C-alpha atoms as a PDB file:
ATOM      1  CA  MET A   1     -39.060  -6.633  27.467  1.00  0.00           C
ATOM      2  CA  GLN A   2     -35.388  -7.523  27.931  1.00  0.00           C
ATOM      3  CA  SER A   3     -32.920  -5.126  29.576  1.00  0.00           C
ATOM      4  CA  LEU A   4     -30.109  -3.481  27.629  1.00  0.00           C
ATOM      5  CA  SER A   5     -26.933  -1.662  28.664  1.00  0.00           C
ATOM      6  CA  VAL A   6     -25.472   0.897  26.285  1.00  0.00           C
ATOM      7  CA  VAL A   7     -21.692   1.120  26.714  1.00  0.00           C
ATOM      8  CA  ILE A   8     -19.492   3.917  25.326  1.00  0.00           C
ATOM      9  CA  ILE A   9     -15.805   4.777  25.725  1.00  0.00           C
ATOM     10  CA  THR A  10     -14.843   8.458  25.554  1.00  0.00           C
ATOM     11  CA  PHE A  11     -12.011  10.944  25.563  1.00  0.00           C
ATOM     12  CA  ASN A  12     -12.683  14.625  24.833  1.00  0.00           C
ATOM     13  CA  GLU A  13     -15.903  13.967  22.943  1.00  0.00           C
ATOM     14  CA  GLU A  14     -17.960  16.986  23.994  1.00  0.00           C
ATOM     15  CA  GLN A  15     -18.827  17.690  20.341  1.00  0.00           C
ATOM     16  CA  ASN A  16     -20.303  14.223  19.833  1.00  0.00           C
ATOM     17  CA  ILE A  17     -21.476  12.698  23.095  1.00  0.00           C
ATOM     18  CA  ALA A  18     -24.892  14.407  23.290  1.00  0.00           C
ATOM     19  CA  ARG A  19     -25.904  13.231  19.801  1.00  0.00           C
ATOM     20  CA  CYS A  20     -24.836   9.692  20.655  1.00  0.00           C
ATOM     21  CA  LEU A  21     -26.727   9.578  23.951  1.00  0.00           C
ATOM     22  CA  HIS A  22     -29.894  11.166  22.577  1.00  0.00           C
ATOM     23  CA  SER A  23     -30.045   8.447  19.905  1.00  0.00           C
ATOM     24  CA  VAL A  24     -30.152   5.617  22.480  1.00  0.00           C
ATOM     25  CA  ARG A  25     -32.187   7.082  25.332  1.00  0.00           C
ATOM     26  CA  SER A  26     -35.385   5.319  24.250  1.00  0.00           C
ATOM     27  CA  LEU A  27     -33.573   1.954  24.143  1.00  0.00           C
ATOM     28  CA  ALA A  28     -31.210   1.994  27.079  1.00  0.00           C
ATOM     29  CA  ASP A  29     -32.035   0.652  30.504  1.00  0.00           C
ATOM     30  CA  GLU A  30     -28.697   2.108  31.559  1.00  0.00           C
ATOM     31  CA  ILE A  31     -25.911   4.036  29.851  1.00  0.00           C
ATOM     32  CA  ILE A  32     -22.326   3.360  30.893  1.00  0.00           C
ATOM     33  CA  VAL A  33     -19.538   5.718  29.843  1.00  0.00           C
ATOM     34  CA  LEU A  34     -15.908   4.777  30.461  1.00  0.00           C
ATOM     35  CA  ASP A  35     -13.901   7.965  30.129  1.00  0.00           C
ATOM     36  CA  SER A  36     -10.120   8.318  29.778  1.00  0.00           C
ATOM     37  CA  TYR A  37      -9.936  11.468  31.923  1.00  0.00           C
ATOM     38  CA  SER A  38     -11.305  13.941  29.406  1.00  0.00           C
ATOM     39  CA  THR A  39     -10.173  17.557  29.753  1.00  0.00           C
ATOM     40  CA  ASP A  40     -13.272  19.058  28.117  1.00  0.00           C
ATOM     41  CA  ASN A  41     -16.975  18.889  29.030  1.00  0.00           C
ATOM     42  CA  THR A  42     -17.539  15.286  27.941  1.00  0.00           C
ATOM     43  CA  VAL A  43     -18.180  13.965  31.450  1.00  0.00           C
ATOM     44  CA  ALA A  44     -20.526  16.779  32.468  1.00  0.00           C
ATOM     45  CA  LYS A  45     -22.596  16.368  29.304  1.00  0.00           C
ATOM     46  CA  ALA A  46     -22.761  12.594  29.687  1.00  0.00           C
ATOM     47  CA  ARG A  47     -23.931  12.830  33.290  1.00  0.00           C
ATOM     48  CA  SER A  48     -26.505  15.493  32.438  1.00  0.00           C
ATOM     49  CA  LEU A  49     -28.034  13.057  29.940  1.00  0.00           C
ATOM     50  CA  GLY A  50     -28.299  10.218  32.442  1.00  0.00           C
ATOM     51  CA  ALA A  51     -25.078   8.281  31.873  1.00  0.00           C
ATOM     52  CA  THR A  52     -23.102   6.664  34.660  1.00  0.00           C
ATOM     53  CA  VAL A  53     -19.453   7.625  34.175  1.00  0.00           C
ATOM     54  CA  HIS A  54     -16.399   5.622  35.197  1.00  0.00           C
ATOM     55  CA  PHE A  55     -12.761   6.488  34.641  1.00  0.00           C
ATOM     56  CA  GLU A  56      -9.758   4.516  33.402  1.00  0.00           C
ATOM     57  CA  LYS A  57      -6.511   5.444  31.711  1.00  0.00           C
ATOM     58  CA  PHE A  58      -6.719   4.517  28.033  1.00  0.00           C
ATOM     59  CA  ARG A  59      -5.408   0.971  27.469  1.00  0.00           C
ATOM     60  CA  GLY A  60      -6.052   0.666  23.732  1.00  0.00           C
ATOM     61  CA  TYR A  61      -9.421   0.294  22.031  1.00  0.00           C
ATOM     62  CA  ILE A  62      -9.732  -3.433  22.677  1.00  0.00           C
ATOM     63  CA  GLY A  63      -8.728  -3.332  26.333  1.00  0.00           C
ATOM     64  CA  GLN A  64     -10.835  -0.258  27.020  1.00  0.00           C
ATOM     65  CA  LYS A  65     -13.988  -1.707  25.479  1.00  0.00           C
ATOM     66  CA  ASN A  66     -13.597  -5.023  27.290  1.00  0.00           C
ATOM     67  CA  LEU A  67     -13.219  -3.167  30.580  1.00  0.00           C
ATOM     68  CA  ALA A  68     -16.205  -0.916  29.861  1.00  0.00           C
ATOM     69  CA  MET A  69     -18.466  -3.973  29.490  1.00  0.00           C
ATOM     70  CA  GLN A  70     -17.621  -5.052  33.022  1.00  0.00           C
ATOM     71  CA  TYR A  71     -19.324  -1.960  34.441  1.00  0.00           C
ATOM     72  CA  ALA A  72     -22.653  -2.867  32.833  1.00  0.00           C
ATOM     73  CA  THR A  73     -25.464  -4.271  34.976  1.00  0.00           C
ATOM     74  CA  HIS A  74     -27.185  -6.196  32.168  1.00  0.00           C
ATOM     75  CA  ASN A  75     -25.771  -8.975  30.018  1.00  0.00           C
ATOM     76  CA  TYR A  76     -26.973  -7.623  26.685  1.00  0.00           C
ATOM     77  CA  ILE A  77     -24.700  -4.817  25.528  1.00  0.00           C
ATOM     78  CA  LEU A  78     -25.088  -2.208  22.815  1.00  0.00           C
ATOM     79  CA  SER A  79     -21.576  -0.869  22.229  1.00  0.00           C
ATOM     80  CA  LEU A  80     -21.072   2.472  20.468  1.00  0.00           C
ATOM     81  CA  ASP A  81     -18.293   4.955  19.936  1.00  0.00           C
ATOM     82  CA  ALA A  82     -18.980   8.522  21.024  1.00  0.00           C
ATOM     83  CA  ASP A  83     -18.933   9.774  17.429  1.00  0.00           C
ATOM     84  CA  GLU A  84     -21.689   7.328  16.451  1.00  0.00           C
ATOM     85  CA  ALA A  85     -25.479   7.493  16.688  1.00  0.00           C
ATOM     86  CA  LEU A  86     -28.393   5.240  15.700  1.00  0.00           C
ATOM     87  CA  ASP A  87     -30.724   6.192  12.866  1.00  0.00           C
ATOM     88  CA  ASP A  88     -34.489   5.867  13.362  1.00  0.00           C
ATOM     89  CA  GLN A  89     -34.754   2.571  11.494  1.00  0.00           C
ATOM     90  CA  LEU A  90     -32.046   0.934  13.583  1.00  0.00           C
ATOM     91  CA  CYS A  91     -33.646   2.239  16.776  1.00  0.00           C
ATOM     92  CA  ALA A  92     -36.922   0.627  15.731  1.00  0.00           C
ATOM     93  CA  SER A  93     -35.171  -2.650  14.874  1.00  0.00           C
ATOM     94  CA  ILE A  94     -33.471  -2.833  18.268  1.00  0.00           C
ATOM     95  CA  GLN A  95     -36.654  -1.851  20.092  1.00  0.00           C
ATOM     96  CA  GLU A  96     -38.456  -4.727  18.399  1.00  0.00           C
ATOM     97  CA  GLU A  97     -35.666  -7.197  19.240  1.00  0.00           C
ATOM     98  CA  LYS A  98     -35.716  -6.117  22.887  1.00  0.00           C
ATOM     99  CA  LYS A  99     -39.101  -7.794  23.256  1.00  0.00           C
ATOM    100  CA  SER A 100     -37.440 -11.208  23.149  1.00  0.00           C
ATOM    101  CA  LEU A 101     -33.735 -11.005  22.199  1.00  0.00           C
ATOM    102  CA  LEU A 102     -33.923 -14.428  20.595  1.00  0.00           C
ATOM    103  CA  HIS A 103     -30.392 -14.140  19.228  1.00  0.00           C
ATOM    104  CA  ARG A 104     -27.163 -13.760  21.172  1.00  0.00           C
ATOM    105  CA  ALA A 105     -25.499 -11.344  18.735  1.00  0.00           C
ATOM    106  CA  TYR A 106     -26.698  -8.769  16.220  1.00  0.00           C
ATOM    107  CA  SER A 107     -24.894  -6.962  13.429  1.00  0.00           C
ATOM    108  CA  MET A 108     -25.771  -3.694  11.716  1.00  0.00           C
ATOM    109  CA  ASN A 109     -24.381  -1.486   8.963  1.00  0.00           C
ATOM    110  CA  ARG A 110     -22.343   1.615   9.743  1.00  0.00           C
ATOM    111  CA  CYS A 111     -22.602   4.665   7.496  1.00  0.00           C
ATOM    112  CA  THR A 112     -19.887   7.323   7.775  1.00  0.00           C
ATOM    113  CA  ASN A 113     -20.499  11.049   7.400  1.00  0.00           C
ATOM    114  CA  TYR A 114     -17.562  12.550   5.505  1.00  0.00           C
ATOM    115  CA  CYS A 115     -17.315  16.359   5.479  1.00  0.00           C
ATOM    116  CA  GLY A 116     -21.089  16.671   5.851  1.00  0.00           C
ATOM    117  CA  ARG A 117     -22.152  13.919   3.433  1.00  0.00           C
ATOM    118  CA  PHE A 118     -22.975  10.277   4.121  1.00  0.00           C
ATOM    119  CA  ILE A 119     -20.913   7.797   2.113  1.00  0.00           C
ATOM    120  CA  ARG A 120     -22.906   4.901   0.619  1.00  0.00           C
ATOM    121  CA  HIS A 121     -20.286   3.062  -1.449  1.00  0.00           C
ATOM    122  CA  GLY A 122     -16.643   1.975  -1.446  1.00  0.00           C
ATOM    123  CA  LEU A 123     -14.915   0.290   1.475  1.00  0.00           C
ATOM    124  CA  TRP A 124     -16.907   2.347   3.961  1.00  0.00           C
ATOM    125  CA  TYR A 125     -20.396   1.021   3.269  1.00  0.00           C
ATOM    126  CA  PRO A 126     -21.940  -1.258   4.212  1.00  0.00           C
ATOM    127  CA  ASP A 127     -19.448  -1.426   7.076  1.00  0.00           C
ATOM    128  CA  LYS A 128     -21.064  -4.334   8.925  1.00  0.00           C
ATOM    129  CA  LYS A 129     -20.410  -4.404  12.686  1.00  0.00           C
ATOM    130  CA  ILE A 130     -21.500  -6.623  15.576  1.00  0.00           C
ATOM    131  CA  ARG A 131     -22.513  -4.100  18.219  1.00  0.00           C
ATOM    132  CA  LEU A 132     -25.413  -5.714  20.081  1.00  0.00           C
ATOM    133  CA  PHE A 133     -24.535  -8.926  21.884  1.00  0.00           C
ATOM    134  CA  ASP A 134     -24.678 -11.042  25.011  1.00  0.00           C
ATOM    135  CA  ARG A 135     -21.411 -10.354  26.817  1.00  0.00           C
ATOM    136  CA  ARG A 136     -21.401 -13.885  28.237  1.00  0.00           C
ATOM    137  CA  ILE A 137     -20.482 -15.252  24.792  1.00  0.00           C
ATOM    138  CA  ALA A 138     -18.574 -12.288  23.337  1.00  0.00           C
ATOM    139  CA  LYS A 139     -15.451 -10.219  23.845  1.00  0.00           C
ATOM    140  CA  TRP A 140     -13.532  -7.541  21.983  1.00  0.00           C
ATOM    141  CA  GLY A 141     -10.535  -8.767  19.980  1.00  0.00           C
ATOM    142  CA  GLY A 142      -8.614  -8.077  16.780  1.00  0.00           C
ATOM    143  CA  LEU A 143      -5.573  -5.836  16.438  1.00  0.00           C
ATOM    144  CA  ASN A 144      -5.672  -2.191  17.541  1.00  0.00           C
ATOM    145  CA  PRO A 145      -7.024   0.067  16.216  1.00  0.00           C
ATOM    146  CA  HIS A 146      -9.318  -2.363  14.339  1.00  0.00           C
ATOM    147  CA  ASP A 147     -11.278  -3.865  17.203  1.00  0.00           C
ATOM    148  CA  LYS A 148     -14.041  -6.381  16.576  1.00  0.00           C
ATOM    149  CA  ILE A 149     -16.369  -8.621  18.546  1.00  0.00           C
ATOM    150  CA  ILE A 150     -15.245 -12.246  18.833  1.00  0.00           C
ATOM    151  CA  LEU A 151     -18.031 -14.729  19.527  1.00  0.00           C
ATOM    152  CA  GLN A 152     -17.752 -18.164  21.038  1.00  0.00           C
ATOM    153  CA  GLU A 153     -18.154 -20.950  18.509  1.00  0.00           C
ATOM    154  CA  GLY A 154     -21.625 -22.093  17.606  1.00  0.00           C
ATOM    155  CA  PHE A 155     -23.453 -18.775  17.826  1.00  0.00           C
ATOM    156  CA  THR A 156     -25.008 -17.137  14.790  1.00  0.00           C
ATOM    157  CA  VAL A 157     -25.448 -13.418  14.108  1.00  0.00           C
ATOM    158  CA  CYS A 158     -28.746 -11.752  13.186  1.00  0.00           C
ATOM    159  CA  HIS A 159     -28.478  -8.682  10.966  1.00  0.00           C
ATOM    160  CA  LEU A 160     -30.677  -5.678  11.810  1.00  0.00           C
ATOM    161  CA  LYS A 161     -32.139  -3.100   9.457  1.00  0.00           C
ATOM    162  CA  GLY A 162     -30.913   0.465   9.833  1.00  0.00           C
ATOM    163  CA  ASP A 163     -27.552   2.166  10.209  1.00  0.00           C
ATOM    164  CA  ILE A 164     -25.117   3.333  12.811  1.00  0.00           C
ATOM    165  CA  LEU A 165     -24.344   6.886  11.732  1.00  0.00           C
ATOM    166  CA  HIS A 166     -20.624   7.557  12.092  1.00  0.00           C
ATOM    167  CA  TYR A 167     -19.635  11.236  12.333  1.00  0.00           C
ATOM    168  CA  SER A 168     -15.907  10.739  11.992  1.00  0.00           C
ATOM    169  CA  PHE A 169     -14.428  13.358   9.646  1.00  0.00           C
ATOM    170  CA  ASN A 170     -15.588  16.966   9.519  1.00  0.00           C
ATOM    171  CA  THR A 171     -12.718  18.033   7.259  1.00  0.00           C
ATOM    172  CA  VAL A 172     -10.087  16.446   5.029  1.00  0.00           C
ATOM    173  CA  GLU A 173      -7.535  17.646   7.586  1.00  0.00           C
ATOM    174  CA  ASP A 174      -9.256  15.434  10.178  1.00  0.00           C
ATOM    175  CA  HIS A 175      -8.821  12.476   7.828  1.00  0.00           C
ATOM    176  CA  ILE A 176      -5.124  13.157   7.284  1.00  0.00           C
ATOM    177  CA  TRP A 177      -4.487  13.561  11.015  1.00  0.00           C
ATOM    178  CA  GLN A 178      -6.377  10.346  11.757  1.00  0.00           C
ATOM    179  CA  ASN A 179      -4.435   8.487   9.054  1.00  0.00           C
ATOM    180  CA  ASN A 180      -1.160   9.294  10.752  1.00  0.00           C
ATOM    181  CA  ARG A 181      -2.393   8.362  14.199  1.00  0.00           C
ATOM    182  CA  LEU A 182      -4.152   5.115  13.258  1.00  0.00           C
ATOM    183  CA  SER A 183      -1.317   3.954  10.999  1.00  0.00           C
ATOM    184  CA  SER A 184       1.076   4.306  13.947  1.00  0.00           C
ATOM    185  CA  ILE A 185      -1.220   2.303  16.212  1.00  0.00           C
ATOM    186  CA  ALA A 186      -1.705  -0.370  13.529  1.00  0.00           C
ATOM    187  CA  ALA A 187       2.025  -0.630  12.780  1.00  0.00           C
ATOM    188  CA  THR A 188       2.811  -1.032  16.484  1.00  0.00           C
ATOM    189  CA  SER A 189       0.129  -3.706  16.869  1.00  0.00           C
ATOM    190  CA  LEU A 190       1.447  -5.634  13.853  1.00  0.00           C
ATOM    191  CA  TYR A 191       5.026  -5.335  15.108  1.00  0.00           C
ATOM    192  CA  ASN A 192       4.057  -6.646  18.548  1.00  0.00           C
ATOM    193  CA  ALA A 193       2.174  -9.517  16.880  1.00  0.00           C
ATOM    194  CA  GLY A 194       5.277 -10.545  14.953  1.00  0.00           C
ATOM    195  CA  LYS A 195       4.000  -9.396  11.545  1.00  0.00           C
ATOM    196  CA  HIS A 196       6.350  -8.142   8.860  1.00  0.00           C
ATOM    197  CA  SER A 197       6.349  -5.549   6.118  1.00  0.00           C
ATOM    198  CA  SER A 198       8.243  -5.464   2.824  1.00  0.00           C
ATOM    199  CA  TRP A 199       8.740  -3.326  -0.253  1.00  0.00           C
ATOM    200  CA  TYR A 200       6.122  -5.487  -1.950  1.00  0.00           C
ATOM    201  CA  LYS A 201       3.500  -4.777   0.723  1.00  0.00           C
ATOM    202  CA  MET A 202       4.302  -1.053   0.713  1.00  0.00           C
ATOM    203  CA  LEU A 203       3.762  -0.953  -3.037  1.00  0.00           C
ATOM    204  CA  VAL A 204       0.991  -3.438  -3.767  1.00  0.00           C
ATOM    205  CA  ARG A 205      -1.349  -3.161  -0.791  1.00  0.00           C
ATOM    206  CA  PRO A 206      -1.983   0.607  -1.073  1.00  0.00           C
ATOM    207  CA  VAL A 207      -2.665   0.179  -4.807  1.00  0.00           C
ATOM    208  CA  TRP A 208      -5.084  -2.658  -4.091  1.00  0.00           C
ATOM    209  CA  ALA A 209      -6.816  -0.613  -1.372  1.00  0.00           C
ATOM    210  CA  PHE A 210      -7.441   2.185  -3.886  1.00  0.00           C
ATOM    211  CA  VAL A 211      -8.573  -0.064  -6.751  1.00  0.00           C
ATOM    212  CA  ASN A 212     -10.770  -2.223  -4.525  1.00  0.00           C
ATOM    213  CA  GLY A 213     -12.472   0.713  -2.846  1.00  0.00           C
ATOM    214  CA  TYR A 214     -12.806   3.087  -5.773  1.00  0.00           C
ATOM    215  CA  ILE A 215     -13.432   0.655  -8.646  1.00  0.00           C
ATOM    216  CA  PHE A 216     -14.652  -2.739  -7.437  1.00  0.00           C
ATOM    217  CA  ARG A 217     -16.621  -1.407  -4.466  1.00  0.00           C
ATOM    218  CA  ARG A 218     -17.888   1.521  -6.567  1.00  0.00           C
ATOM    219  CA  GLY A 219     -16.465   4.336  -4.493  1.00  0.00           C
ATOM    220  CA  PHE A 220     -16.605   6.459  -7.643  1.00  0.00           C
ATOM    221  CA  LEU A 221     -20.382   6.740  -7.103  1.00  0.00           C
ATOM    222  CA  ASP A 222     -19.630   9.035  -4.172  1.00  0.00           C
ATOM    223  CA  ARG A 223     -17.988  11.393  -6.682  1.00  0.00           C
ATOM    224  CA  ALA A 224     -15.188  13.642  -5.380  1.00  0.00           C
ATOM    225  CA  ASP A 225     -15.606  12.400  -1.809  1.00  0.00           C
ATOM    226  CA  GLY A 226     -15.248   8.818  -3.004  1.00  0.00           C
ATOM    227  CA  PHE A 227     -11.982   9.641  -4.764  1.00  0.00           C
ATOM    228  CA  THR A 228     -10.631  11.526  -1.743  1.00  0.00           C
ATOM    229  CA  ILE A 229     -11.500   8.630   0.557  1.00  0.00           C
ATOM    230  CA  ALA A 230      -9.890   6.061  -1.776  1.00  0.00           C
ATOM    231  CA  VAL A 231      -6.670   8.081  -1.982  1.00  0.00           C
ATOM    232  CA  ASN A 232      -6.502   8.593   1.785  1.00  0.00           C
ATOM    233  CA  THR A 233      -7.274   4.933   2.455  1.00  0.00           C
ATOM    234  CA  ALA A 234      -4.398   3.920   0.203  1.00  0.00           C
ATOM    235  CA  HIS A 235      -2.162   6.444   1.963  1.00  0.00           C
ATOM    236  CA  GLN A 236      -3.031   5.039   5.390  1.00  0.00           C
ATOM    237  CA  VAL A 237      -2.177   1.523   4.205  1.00  0.00           C
ATOM    238  CA  PHE A 238       1.161   2.788   2.863  1.00  0.00           C
ATOM    239  CA  LEU A 239       1.934   4.585   6.137  1.00  0.00           C
ATOM    240  CA  LYS A 240       1.129   1.467   8.152  1.00  0.00           C
ATOM    241  CA  TYR A 241       3.505  -0.784   6.222  1.00  0.00           C
ATOM    242  CA  SER A 242       6.164   1.896   5.912  1.00  0.00           C
ATOM    243  CA  LYS A 243       6.223   2.452   9.680  1.00  0.00           C
ATOM    244  CA  LEU A 244       6.246  -1.295  10.290  1.00  0.00           C
ATOM    245  CA  TYR A 245       9.133  -1.672   7.843  1.00  0.00           C
ATOM    246  CA  ASN A 246      11.168   0.915   9.737  1.00  0.00           C
ATOM    247  CA  MET A 247      10.465  -0.853  13.022  1.00  0.00           C
ATOM    248  CA  GLN A 248      11.770  -4.092  11.565  1.00  0.00           C
ATOM    249  CA  ARG A 249      14.984  -2.425  10.473  1.00  0.00           C
ATOM    250  CA  GLY A 250      15.715  -1.538  14.050  1.00  0.00           C
ATOM    251  CA  LYS A 251      15.017   2.148  13.772  1.00  0.00           C
ATOM    252  CA  LYS A 252      13.350   4.088  16.551  1.00  0.00           C
ATOM    253  CA  LYS A 253       9.781   2.861  16.975  1.00  0.00           C
ATOM    254  CA  ASN A 254       7.062   5.198  15.829  1.00  0.00           C
ATOM    255  CA  SER A 255       5.399   6.813  18.781  1.00  0.00           C
ATOM    256  CA  ILE A 256       1.624   6.726  18.824  1.00  0.00           C
ATOM    257  CA  PRO A 257       0.239  10.256  18.432  1.00  0.00           C
ATOM    258  CA  ALA A 258      -1.823  11.664  21.264  1.00  0.00           C
ATOM    259  CA  LEU A 259      -5.542  10.982  21.401  1.00  0.00           C
ATOM    260  CA  THR A 260      -6.360  14.616  20.761  1.00  0.00           C
ATOM    261  CA  LYS A 261      -5.363  16.937  17.978  1.00  0.00           C
ATOM    262  CA  PRO A 262      -2.886  19.752  18.742  1.00  0.00           C
ATOM    263  CA  LEU A 263      -4.703  22.645  20.397  1.00  0.00           C
ATOM    264  CA  LEU A 264      -2.567  25.201  18.580  1.00  0.00           C
ATOM    265  CA  PRO A 265      -1.917  25.588  14.858  1.00  0.00           C
ATOM    266  CA  GLU A 266       1.493  24.418  13.655  1.00  0.00           C
ATOM    267  CA  LYS A 267       2.985  27.902  13.335  1.00  0.00           C
ATOM    268  CA  ASP A 268       1.845  28.831  16.857  1.00  0.00           C
ATOM    269  CA  ARG A 269       3.267  25.631  18.346  1.00  0.00           C
ATOM    270  CA  LEU A 270       6.600  26.309  16.655  1.00  0.00           C
ATOM    271  CA  GLN A 271       6.598  29.839  18.084  1.00  0.00           C
ATOM    272  CA  VAL A 272       5.868  28.490  21.578  1.00  0.00           C
ATOM    273  CA  LYS A 273       8.744  26.035  21.189  1.00  0.00           C
ATOM    274  CA  ALA A 274      11.088  28.807  20.060  1.00  0.00           C
ATOM    275  CA  ASN A 275      10.107  31.033  22.957  1.00  0.00           C
ATOM    276  CA  THR A 276      10.659  28.187  25.390  1.00  0.00           C
ATOM    277  CA  MET A 277      14.172  27.559  24.039  1.00  0.00           C
ATOM    278  CA  LYS A 278      15.059  31.232  24.546  1.00  0.00           C
ATOM    279  CA  GLN A 279      14.147  31.113  28.233  1.00  0.00           C
END
């Protein structure tokens, strides 16, 4: 039986971390959590479930995940986000592969839970990801926030049966908030990479995102949720290119929203601000 390190990055994930860790306990020879100084009970919960916790200021998804791998003892890594968990079939597939680990990289489908329902069509499924790999021939790359594993040339990927279950959006409000945050990160990454936006991209690419996801990828089979997801996906694409366009024009760069949602409702935060100004 080959050894396996499960590696997870976290920040204020007390609502998710236990589910994630429980799903991998039968597979993991060690669990490494790299935390960005959470202010909730994430660290305590992770340690209580056997994880070794390290700390580092957040350096972007790609940088953080590459650093987290360095803390692992074993070369084979299973990388998960805190809001993800393995289903039973995927656990069984990985357990079987651990007997030999004949391949250097493995991919698997990711299935997102949207407002309490798993989405099986559209752009969100099957969302194939390489998450089990030999770190000696792999690293995290891409453009934030869309990180992906980059393999050295010459290595093939074996696809495993089963799903990563992604518990990302409990409400539509979560989706809208995430759209704004991720579009800012994406626009900044594109700007720093020398990419450009245009009126054409702001118009055509959101339309294509909707049509591709809802029609060609059959998002309509997920009924009202499929339509909501297609609309919000198109909106995120529009926000990304709109923010990038404004950066190009020399306007003030969009700041990346904080990692956590506001702790107070909007009206309460405005009242706090008003009270502060009176003092």
